[in-house]
Every structure is written in structure tokens, then in C-alpha cells.
C-alpha atoms as a PDB file:
ATOM      1  CA  MET A   1       9.923  -8.162  -9.716  1.00  0.00           C
ATOM      2  CA  THR A   2      13.334  -9.572 -10.535  1.00  0.00           C
ATOM      3  CA  ARG A   3      14.295 -13.088  -9.631  1.00  0.00           C
ATOM      4  CA  LEU A   4      15.461 -13.012  -6.039  1.00  0.00           C
ATOM      5  CA  GLY A   5      16.511 -16.615  -5.673  1.00  0.00           C
ATOM      6  CA  ALA A   6      15.106 -17.087  -2.142  1.00  0.00           C
ATOM      7  CA  ASP A   7      14.090 -20.629  -1.205  1.00  0.00           C
ATOM      8  CA  SER A   8      11.739 -19.931   1.717  1.00  0.00           C
ATOM      9  CA  GLU A   9       8.892 -17.459   2.014  1.00  0.00           C
ATOM     10  CA  GLU A  10      10.647 -15.607   4.821  1.00  0.00           C
ATOM     11  CA  ALA A  11      13.848 -15.372   2.812  1.00  0.00           C
ATOM     12  CA  LEU A  12      11.887 -14.027  -0.157  1.00  0.00           C
ATOM     13  CA  GLU A  13      10.231 -11.414   2.052  1.00  0.00           C
ATOM     14  CA  ASN A  14      13.612 -10.297   3.390  1.00  0.00           C
ATOM     15  CA  ALA A  15      15.110 -10.198  -0.078  1.00  0.00           C
ATOM     16  CA  THR A  16      12.161  -8.122  -1.301  1.00  0.00           C
ATOM     17  CA  LEU A  17      12.572  -5.670   1.567  1.00  0.00           C
ATOM     18  CA  ALA A  18      16.248  -5.319   0.706  1.00  0.00           C
ATOM     19  CA  LEU A  19      15.376  -4.662  -2.937  1.00  0.00           C
ATOM     20  CA  PHE A  20      12.823  -1.977  -2.019  1.00  0.00           C
ATOM     21  CA  ALA A  21      15.333  -0.397   0.365  1.00  0.00           C
ATOM     22  CA  GLU A  22      17.777  -0.100  -2.538  1.00  0.00           C
ATOM     23  CA  LEU A  23      15.016   1.713  -4.448  1.00  0.00           C
ATOM     24  CA  GLY A  24      14.688   4.263  -1.649  1.00  0.00           C
ATOM     25  CA  TRP A  25      11.774   2.841   0.333  1.00  0.00           C
ATOM     26  CA  GLU A  26      11.766   2.831   4.117  1.00  0.00           C
ATOM     27  CA  THR A  27      11.130  -0.732   5.331  1.00  0.00           C
ATOM     28  CA  THR A  28      10.043  -2.304   8.596  1.00  0.00           C
ATOM     29  CA  ASN A  29       8.650  -5.519  10.060  1.00  0.00           C
ATOM     30  CA  GLY A  30       5.173  -4.949  11.484  1.00  0.00           C
ATOM     31  CA  CYS A  31       4.681  -8.321  13.141  1.00  0.00           C
ATOM     32  CA  TYR A  32       5.023  -6.759  16.623  1.00  0.00           C
ATOM     33  CA  GLU A  33       3.634  -3.349  15.770  1.00  0.00           C
ATOM     34  CA  VAL A  34       2.719  -1.119  18.710  1.00  0.00           C
ATOM     35  CA  TYR A  35      -0.749   0.472  18.568  1.00  0.00           C
ATOM     36  CA  GLY A  36      -2.256   3.583  20.111  1.00  0.00           C
ATOM     37  CA  GLU A  37      -0.652   6.506  21.909  1.00  0.00           C
ATOM     38  CA  VAL A  38       2.205   4.708  23.611  1.00  0.00           C
ATOM     39  CA  LEU A  39       5.904   5.213  24.025  1.00  0.00           C
ATOM     40  CA  VAL A  40       8.012   2.917  21.884  1.00  0.00           C
ATOM     41  CA  GLY A  41      10.903   1.355  23.753  1.00  0.00           C
ATOM     42  CA  PRO A  42      14.059  -0.165  22.307  1.00  0.00           C
ATOM     43  CA  SER A  43      12.640  -3.712  22.513  1.00  0.00           C
ATOM     44  CA  SER A  44       9.182  -2.963  21.133  1.00  0.00           C
ATOM     45  CA  GLY A  45       7.989  -3.175  17.576  1.00  0.00           C
ATOM     46  CA  PRO A  46       7.406  -0.253  15.177  1.00  0.00           C
ATOM     47  CA  HIS A  47       4.770   2.381  15.893  1.00  0.00           C
ATOM     48  CA  LEU A  48       3.110   3.201  12.577  1.00  0.00           C
ATOM     49  CA  GLY A  49       0.468   5.517  14.004  1.00  0.00           C
ATOM     50  CA  ARG A  50      -2.452   3.094  14.001  1.00  0.00           C
ATOM     51  CA  ALA A  51      -4.812   2.956  16.981  1.00  0.00           C
ATOM     52  CA  THR A  52      -5.997  -0.567  16.099  1.00  0.00           C
ATOM     53  CA  ARG A  53      -5.413  -3.269  13.527  1.00  0.00           C
ATOM     54  CA  ASN A  54      -8.677  -2.310  11.829  1.00  0.00           C
ATOM     55  CA  GLU A  55      -7.070   0.851  10.453  1.00  0.00           C
ATOM     56  CA  VAL A  56      -5.319   0.520   7.098  1.00  0.00           C
ATOM     57  CA  VAL A  57      -4.266   4.146   6.579  1.00  0.00           C
ATOM     58  CA  LEU A  58      -1.227   5.469   8.414  1.00  0.00           C
ATOM     59  CA  ARG A  59      -2.756   8.826   9.337  1.00  0.00           C
ATOM     60  CA  PRO A  60       0.406  10.537  10.674  1.00  0.00           C
ATOM     61  CA  ARG A  61       2.189   9.881   7.385  1.00  0.00           C
ATOM     62  CA  LEU A  62      -0.869  10.928   5.362  1.00  0.00           C
ATOM     63  CA  GLU A  63      -1.282  14.168   7.322  1.00  0.00           C
ATOM     64  CA  ALA A  64       2.420  14.978   6.999  1.00  0.00           C
ATOM     65  CA  ALA A  65       2.335  14.354   3.240  1.00  0.00           C
ATOM     66  CA  LEU A  66      -0.746  16.545   2.684  1.00  0.00           C
ATOM     67  CA  THR A  67       0.850  19.354   4.694  1.00  0.00           C
ATOM     68  CA  ARG A  68       4.050  19.089   2.645  1.00  0.00           C
ATOM     69  CA  LEU A  69       2.300  18.892  -0.732  1.00  0.00           C
ATOM     70  CA  ASN A  70      -0.215  21.686  -0.055  1.00  0.00           C
ATOM     71  CA  PRO A  71       1.706  24.440   1.766  1.00  0.00           C
ATOM     72  CA  ASP A  72      -0.691  27.194   0.700  1.00  0.00           C
ATOM     73  CA  LEU A  73      -3.886  25.566   1.981  1.00  0.00           C
ATOM     74  CA  PRO A  74      -5.141  26.124   5.554  1.00  0.00           C
ATOM     75  CA  PRO A  75      -5.080  23.207   8.020  1.00  0.00           C
ATOM     76  CA  GLU A  76      -8.881  22.807   8.039  1.00  0.00           C
ATOM     77  CA  THR A  77      -8.851  21.948   4.330  1.00  0.00           C
ATOM     78  CA  LEU A  78      -6.253  19.241   4.924  1.00  0.00           C
ATOM     79  CA  HIS A  79      -8.435  17.848   7.713  1.00  0.00           C
ATOM     80  CA  GLN A  80     -11.351  17.728   5.259  1.00  0.00           C
ATOM     81  CA  ALA A  81      -9.172  15.825   2.806  1.00  0.00           C
ATOM     82  CA  VAL A  82      -8.069  13.284   5.418  1.00  0.00           C
ATOM     83  CA  GLU A  83     -11.678  12.671   6.427  1.00  0.00           C
ATOM     84  CA  GLN A  84     -12.717  12.125   2.813  1.00  0.00           C
ATOM     85  CA  LEU A  85      -9.839   9.753   2.164  1.00  0.00           C
ATOM     86  CA  THR A  86     -10.386   7.672   5.306  1.00  0.00           C
ATOM     87  CA  ARG A  87     -14.186   7.608   5.411  1.00  0.00           C
ATOM     88  CA  ASP A  88     -15.981   4.282   5.767  1.00  0.00           C
ATOM     89  CA  ARG A  89     -16.695   2.751   2.361  1.00  0.00           C
ATOM     90  CA  SER A  90     -17.908  -0.632   3.614  1.00  0.00           C
ATOM     91  CA  ALA A  91     -21.391  -0.070   2.148  1.00  0.00           C
ATOM     92  CA  MET A  92     -19.823   0.098  -1.327  1.00  0.00           C
ATOM     93  CA  SER A  93     -18.565  -2.787  -3.392  1.00  0.00           C
ATOM     94  CA  LEU A  94     -14.797  -3.240  -3.372  1.00  0.00           C
ATOM     95  CA  VAL A  95     -14.617  -2.200  -7.028  1.00  0.00           C
ATOM     96  CA  HIS A  96     -16.608   1.013  -6.450  1.00  0.00           C
ATOM     97  CA  ALA A  97     -14.611   1.877  -3.304  1.00  0.00           C
ATOM     98  CA  ASN A  98     -11.349   1.358  -5.166  1.00  0.00           C
ATOM     99  CA  ARG A  99     -12.532   3.484  -8.088  1.00  0.00           C
ATOM    100  CA  GLU A 100     -13.586   6.313  -5.784  1.00  0.00           C
ATOM    101  CA  THR A 101     -10.239   6.441  -3.997  1.00  0.00           C
ATOM    102  CA  TYR A 102      -8.437   6.199  -7.343  1.00  0.00           C
ATOM    103  CA  GLU A 103     -10.157   9.403  -8.459  1.00  0.00           C
ATOM    104  CA  LEU A 104      -9.140  11.142  -5.234  1.00  0.00           C
ATOM    105  CA  LEU A 105      -5.520  10.063  -5.666  1.00  0.00           C
ATOM    106  CA  LYS A 106      -5.443  11.042  -9.331  1.00  0.00           C
ATOM    107  CA  ASP A 107      -7.271  14.369  -9.233  1.00  0.00           C
ATOM    108  CA  GLY A 108      -6.894  15.425  -5.602  1.00  0.00           C
ATOM    109  CA  VAL A 109      -9.563  15.870  -2.941  1.00  0.00           C
ATOM    110  CA  GLN A 110     -11.997  18.739  -3.521  1.00  0.00           C
ATOM    111  CA  VAL A 111     -12.464  20.940  -0.448  1.00  0.00           C
ATOM    112  CA  THR A 112     -14.461  24.097   0.272  1.00  0.00           C
ATOM    113  CA  PHE A 113     -13.414  26.836   2.697  1.00  0.00           C
ATOM    114  CA  ARG A 114     -13.519  30.566   3.301  1.00  0.00           C
ATOM    115  CA  ASP A 115     -10.391  32.605   2.727  1.00  0.00           C
ATOM    116  CA  ALA A 116      -9.125  35.551   4.778  1.00  0.00           C
ATOM    117  CA  ASP A 117     -11.597  37.855   3.035  1.00  0.00           C
ATOM    118  CA  GLY A 118     -14.531  35.612   3.854  1.00  0.00           C
ATOM    119  CA  GLU A 119     -14.931  34.474   0.260  1.00  0.00           C
ATOM    120  CA  GLU A 120     -15.837  30.844  -0.363  1.00  0.00           C
ATOM    121  CA  ARG A 121     -13.170  28.988  -2.282  1.00  0.00           C
ATOM    122  CA  VAL A 122     -13.027  25.533  -3.812  1.00  0.00           C
ATOM    123  CA  GLU A 123      -9.609  23.902  -4.100  1.00  0.00           C
ATOM    124  CA  ARG A 124      -8.166  20.443  -4.589  1.00  0.00           C
ATOM    125  CA  VAL A 125      -5.817  18.927  -2.059  1.00  0.00           C
ATOM    126  CA  ALA A 126      -3.000  17.004  -3.736  1.00  0.00           C
ATOM    127  CA  VAL A 127      -2.543  13.545  -2.214  1.00  0.00           C
ATOM    128  CA  ILE A 128       0.422  12.354  -4.290  1.00  0.00           C
ATOM    129  CA  ASP A 129       3.067  14.311  -6.163  1.00  0.00           C
ATOM    130  CA  TRP A 130       2.852  12.726  -9.606  1.00  0.00           C
ATOM    131  CA  ASN A 131       5.536  14.982 -11.081  1.00  0.00           C
ATOM    132  CA  ASP A 132       8.292  14.426  -8.514  1.00  0.00           C
ATOM    133  CA  PRO A 133       8.183  10.922  -6.991  1.00  0.00           C
ATOM    134  CA  THR A 134      10.903  11.825  -4.494  1.00  0.00           C
ATOM    135  CA  ASP A 135       8.501  14.258  -2.841  1.00  0.00           C
ATOM    136  CA  ASN A 136       6.383  11.330  -1.625  1.00  0.00           C
ATOM    137  CA  ASP A 137       6.764   9.087   1.415  1.00  0.00           C
ATOM    138  CA  PHE A 138       7.384   5.384   0.689  1.00  0.00           C
ATOM    139  CA  LEU A 139       7.124   2.661   3.337  1.00  0.00           C
ATOM    140  CA  LEU A 140       7.085  -1.114   2.851  1.00  0.00           C
ATOM    141  CA  VAL A 141       5.792  -3.114   5.828  1.00  0.00           C
ATOM    142  CA  GLN A 142       6.487  -6.819   6.198  1.00  0.00           C
ATOM    143  CA  GLN A 143       3.929  -8.875   8.165  1.00  0.00           C
ATOM    144  CA  PHE A 144       1.176  -6.258   8.365  1.00  0.00           C
ATOM    145  CA  TRP A 145      -1.785  -7.210  10.584  1.00  0.00           C
ATOM    146  CA  VAL A 146      -5.287  -6.212   9.472  1.00  0.00           C
ATOM    147  CA  THR A 147      -8.613  -6.887  11.207  1.00  0.00           C
ATOM    148  CA  GLY A 148     -11.915  -6.946   9.334  1.00  0.00           C
ATOM    149  CA  ASP A 149     -15.466  -7.304  10.623  1.00  0.00           C
ATOM    150  CA  ILE A 150     -14.778 -10.838  11.871  1.00  0.00           C
ATOM    151  CA  TYR A 151     -11.319 -12.064  10.951  1.00  0.00           C
ATOM    152  CA  THR A 152      -7.740 -10.878  11.338  1.00  0.00           C
ATOM    153  CA  ARG A 153      -5.174 -11.460   8.623  1.00  0.00           C
ATOM    154  CA  ARG A 154      -1.437 -10.836   8.321  1.00  0.00           C
ATOM    155  CA  ALA A 155      -0.293  -9.640   4.913  1.00  0.00           C
ATOM    156  CA  ASP A 156       3.189 -10.563   3.738  1.00  0.00           C
ATOM    157  CA  LEU A 157       3.917  -7.107   2.345  1.00  0.00           C
ATOM    158  CA  VAL A 158       1.983  -3.845   2.200  1.00  0.00           C
ATOM    159  CA  GLY A 159       3.485  -0.810   0.509  1.00  0.00           C
ATOM    160  CA  PHE A 160       2.346   2.633   1.656  1.00  0.00           C
ATOM    161  CA  VAL A 161       2.676   5.814  -0.362  1.00  0.00           C
ATOM    162  CA  ASN A 162       2.006   8.882   1.774  1.00  0.00           C
ATOM    163  CA  GLY A 163       0.394   6.622   4.345  1.00  0.00           C
ATOM    164  CA  LEU A 164      -2.016   4.943   1.912  1.00  0.00           C
ATOM    165  CA  PRO A 165      -1.736   1.183   1.176  1.00  0.00           C
ATOM    166  CA  LEU A 166      -1.226   1.220  -2.598  1.00  0.00           C
ATOM    167  CA  LEU A 167       0.741  -2.032  -2.893  1.00  0.00           C
ATOM    168  CA  PHE A 168      -0.161  -5.534  -1.691  1.00  0.00           C
ATOM    169  CA  GLY A 169       2.298  -8.407  -1.945  1.00  0.00           C
ATOM    170  CA  GLU A 170       1.693 -12.113  -1.337  1.00  0.00           C
ATOM    171  CA  LEU A 171       4.810 -14.293  -1.464  1.00  0.00           C
ATOM    172  CA  LYS A 172       5.299 -18.044  -1.619  1.00  0.00           C
ATOM    173  CA  ALA A 173       8.255 -20.360  -1.235  1.00  0.00           C
ATOM    174  CA  HIS A 174       9.932 -21.220  -4.522  1.00  0.00           C
ATOM    175  CA  HIS A 175       8.325 -24.693  -4.724  1.00  0.00           C
ATOM    176  CA  ARG A 176       4.779 -23.286  -4.339  1.00  0.00           C
ATOM    177  CA  ARG A 177       2.664 -22.232  -7.304  1.00  0.00           C
ATOM    178  CA  VAL A 178       2.007 -18.509  -7.635  1.00  0.00           C
ATOM    179  CA  GLU A 179      -1.534 -19.328  -8.715  1.00  0.00           C
ATOM    180  CA  ASP A 180      -2.167 -20.585  -5.162  1.00  0.00           C
ATOM    181  CA  ALA A 181      -1.397 -17.102  -3.870  1.00  0.00           C
ATOM    182  CA  TYR A 182      -4.071 -15.738  -6.181  1.00  0.00           C
ATOM    183  CA  ARG A 183      -6.830 -18.316  -5.777  1.00  0.00           C
ATOM    184  CA  ARG A 184      -6.424 -18.972  -2.052  1.00  0.00           C
ATOM    185  CA  ASN A 185      -4.655 -16.150  -0.244  1.00  0.00           C
ATOM    186  CA  LEU A 186      -5.642 -13.087  -2.275  1.00  0.00           C
ATOM    187  CA  SER A 187      -9.268 -14.198  -2.592  1.00  0.00           C
ATOM    188  CA  ASP A 188      -9.431 -14.722   1.165  1.00  0.00           C
ATOM    189  CA  TYR A 189      -7.938 -11.303   1.894  1.00  0.00           C
ATOM    190  CA  LYS A 190     -10.413  -9.548  -0.385  1.00  0.00           C
ATOM    191  CA  ASP A 191     -13.278 -11.329   1.382  1.00  0.00           C
ATOM    192  CA  THR A 192     -12.127 -10.889   4.986  1.00  0.00           C
ATOM    193  CA  VAL A 193     -10.300  -7.525   4.977  1.00  0.00           C
ATOM    194  CA  PRO A 194     -11.619  -5.735   1.860  1.00  0.00           C
ATOM    195  CA  HIS A 195     -10.865  -2.262   3.246  1.00  0.00           C
ATOM    196  CA  LEU A 196      -7.155  -2.980   2.781  1.00  0.00           C
ATOM    197  CA  PHE A 197      -7.837  -2.870  -0.974  1.00  0.00           C
ATOM    198  CA  TRP A 198      -9.909   0.316  -1.165  1.00  0.00           C
ATOM    199  CA  TYR A 199      -6.726   2.246  -1.989  1.00  0.00           C
ATOM    200  CA  ASN A 200      -4.855  -0.495  -3.810  1.00  0.00           C
ATOM    201  CA  GLY A 201      -3.108   0.236  -7.084  1.00  0.00           C
ATOM    202  CA  PHE A 202      -0.930  -2.861  -7.515  1.00  0.00           C
ATOM    203  CA  ILE A 203      -1.030  -6.473  -6.389  1.00  0.00           C
ATOM    204  CA  VAL A 204       2.180  -8.500  -6.662  1.00  0.00           C
ATOM    205  CA  LEU A 205       2.208 -12.297  -6.303  1.00  0.00           C
ATOM    206  CA  SER A 206       5.541 -14.112  -6.432  1.00  0.00           C
ATOM    207  CA  ASN A 207       7.535 -17.186  -5.447  1.00  0.00           C
ATOM    208  CA  GLY A 208      10.857 -15.578  -6.333  1.00  0.00           C
ATOM    209  CA  SER A 209      11.108 -16.937  -9.853  1.00  0.00           C
ATOM    210  CA  ASP A 210       7.542 -16.582 -11.152  1.00  0.00           C
ATOM    211  CA  SER A 211       5.617 -13.376 -10.482  1.00  0.00           C
ATOM    212  CA  ARG A 212       2.292 -11.823 -11.412  1.00  0.00           C
ATOM    213  CA  VAL A 213       1.232  -8.174 -11.248  1.00  0.00           C
ATOM    214  CA  GLY A 214      -2.385  -7.020 -11.328  1.00  0.00           C
ATOM    215  CA  THR A 215      -5.073  -4.942  -9.661  1.00  0.00           C
ATOM    216  CA  VAL A 216      -8.056  -5.707  -7.431  1.00  0.00           C
ATOM    217  CA  THR A 217     -10.155  -6.531 -10.499  1.00  0.00           C
ATOM    218  CA  SER A 218      -7.564  -8.615 -12.369  1.00  0.00           C
ATOM    219  CA  GLN A 219      -8.488 -12.210 -13.125  1.00  0.00           C
ATOM    220  CA  TRP A 220      -5.641 -14.718 -12.991  1.00  0.00           C
ATOM    221  CA  GLU A 221      -5.695 -15.113 -16.751  1.00  0.00           C
ATOM    222  CA  PHE A 222      -5.218 -11.375 -17.246  1.00  0.00           C
ATOM    223  CA  SER A 223      -2.600 -10.656 -14.600  1.00  0.00           C
ATOM    224  CA  THR A 224       0.761  -9.699 -16.062  1.00  0.00           C
ATOM    225  CA  PRO A 225       3.481 -12.361 -15.821  1.00  0.00           C
ATOM    226  CA  GLN A 226       7.057 -11.458 -15.018  1.00  0.00           C
ATOM    227  CA  PRO A 227       9.102 -11.290 -18.227  1.00  0.00           C
ATOM    228  CA  ASP A 228      11.923 -13.768 -18.593  1.00  0.00           C
ATOM    229  CA  PRO A 229      15.203 -11.789 -18.474  1.00  0.00           C
ATOM    230  CA  ASP A 230      16.626 -14.162 -21.113  1.00  0.00           C
ATOM    231  CA  GLU A 231      13.915 -13.047 -23.549  1.00  0.00           C
ATOM    232  CA  LEU A 232      14.416  -9.306 -23.064  1.00  0.00           C
ATOM    233  CA  PRO A 233      16.679  -7.257 -25.335  1.00  0.00           C
ATOM    234  CA  GLY A 234      20.110  -7.329 -23.738  1.00  0.00           C
ATOM    235  CA  GLY A 235      18.875  -9.725 -21.070  1.00  0.00           C
ATOM    236  CA  VAL A 236      21.226 -11.975 -19.185  1.00  0.00           C
ATOM    237  CA  PRO A 237      20.549 -15.268 -17.394  1.00  0.00           C
ATOM    238  CA  ALA A 238      19.301 -14.833 -13.834  1.00  0.00           C
ATOM    239  CA  ASP A 239      22.347 -16.609 -12.385  1.00  0.00           C
ATOM    240  CA  ASP A 240      24.886 -14.357 -14.115  1.00  0.00           C
END
């Protein structure tokens, strides 16, 4: 993440949303998200397709993406894929759950069905278009509420690709240490709402000038620091 120069946490969030919007992501503020099958009025918050805050997958976006990416497969196979992707993995460790979903994202979801001739076929449902990124659906949600078994948390930023939460962002004001975001906030989130991280591919921690990038298994010592632009070939000072 580039240096955004925002003094407060809210300003950093807004600056990050603006940056992602420039990169082609759809962005929204989910603080007043509307849940369930309701009509969304002009004064209400966004409707992301969740029935409750416990859900972390945006099923309408996932279903639309699978339909778009797999035009030759019958609807029942796509339903199988959605069920496999969204099944309850709470009995698994976070690491094992994350590894399982990683394999589904990388290789596709294996489904079995009978074709028009009654023959049994085995196919894989593509979840993400790895060859053409523009064929995927990108959404960054600011202030995303998530409820676990006991507690409810509000994530600063959650990035969805085809309805799946692949990116988690925790931001701090410029005078706060990024390590606090790792040792306090991120650790708490993984304990209280672990299902948010079943699909996670990237975790970004930042205070606007210092940033770290890692995964659900990254220790602080092994997370990747943001490179200093002054030290990069052709780099220019951040204020230029």
C-alpha cells in the first residue's frame, strides 16, 4: 500500500477506498448495511445480500460470478459449488479451513451430475478467473460487521472477490503502531470471528506510512513490510 498521508483512521479508510476505486474496485460503507429480503430506500445503507451478520460470503455476487464463469454447466452444479464453498467449517482449525478453501479457489470445485444423455460427469466449477482479472467482481467494504458464536466485530476493510472475503484490512491512525493492529486487533478477530478468515488470501495492516502484508498464518516477524519508495529503483519521496 502506498503512503496515503491520512492523519486519522477514518481519513485513512476513506483514502484507501478512493485508491481501490481508482484500481477498478466497487466500494461501499457497510456500517448501516441492510440485511435480509428487504427493499432498500434512498436513506438506507447498502444491501449486500446477507441475511444476518453471521454470514461472510455475499451469496448473490458469488452465484452471479459462478454463472458467468461457467456458462456451459447446468444450474444444479453451480448450486453444488456454492454449498461446498459456504459449508460450515467451524469444526476445523482456522489453518485447515483456509487451506481447504484455497484449494477450491485455485483448482475449482469438483461437482458430479448427469448430462442430457444420462451419463454421469465430473467437472470443476471455476470460482475465480485467474487468466482475466477483469472478468471477476471486486468489492471493498468499509466498516463490515461480522458476528461469531458470541461476539460481534466491525472490520475496517474487507475486500470481496466474486463475493468471497479474500482481503482483510486493519487500519490505524498515523501515530499508532502497526504492530498494535497485529497483536491486538487481528488476534482478536481471528479468535472471535474466525469464519471471516476461512477464505482469506491477504491481510493488510497499515497506519498510512507503515504497512504490513501477510496471511492468516503469518507471524509479525515474517509479515512483509511496505518498501520505502525512496529505496526503490526510480523511487521518489512520498511528498513529491
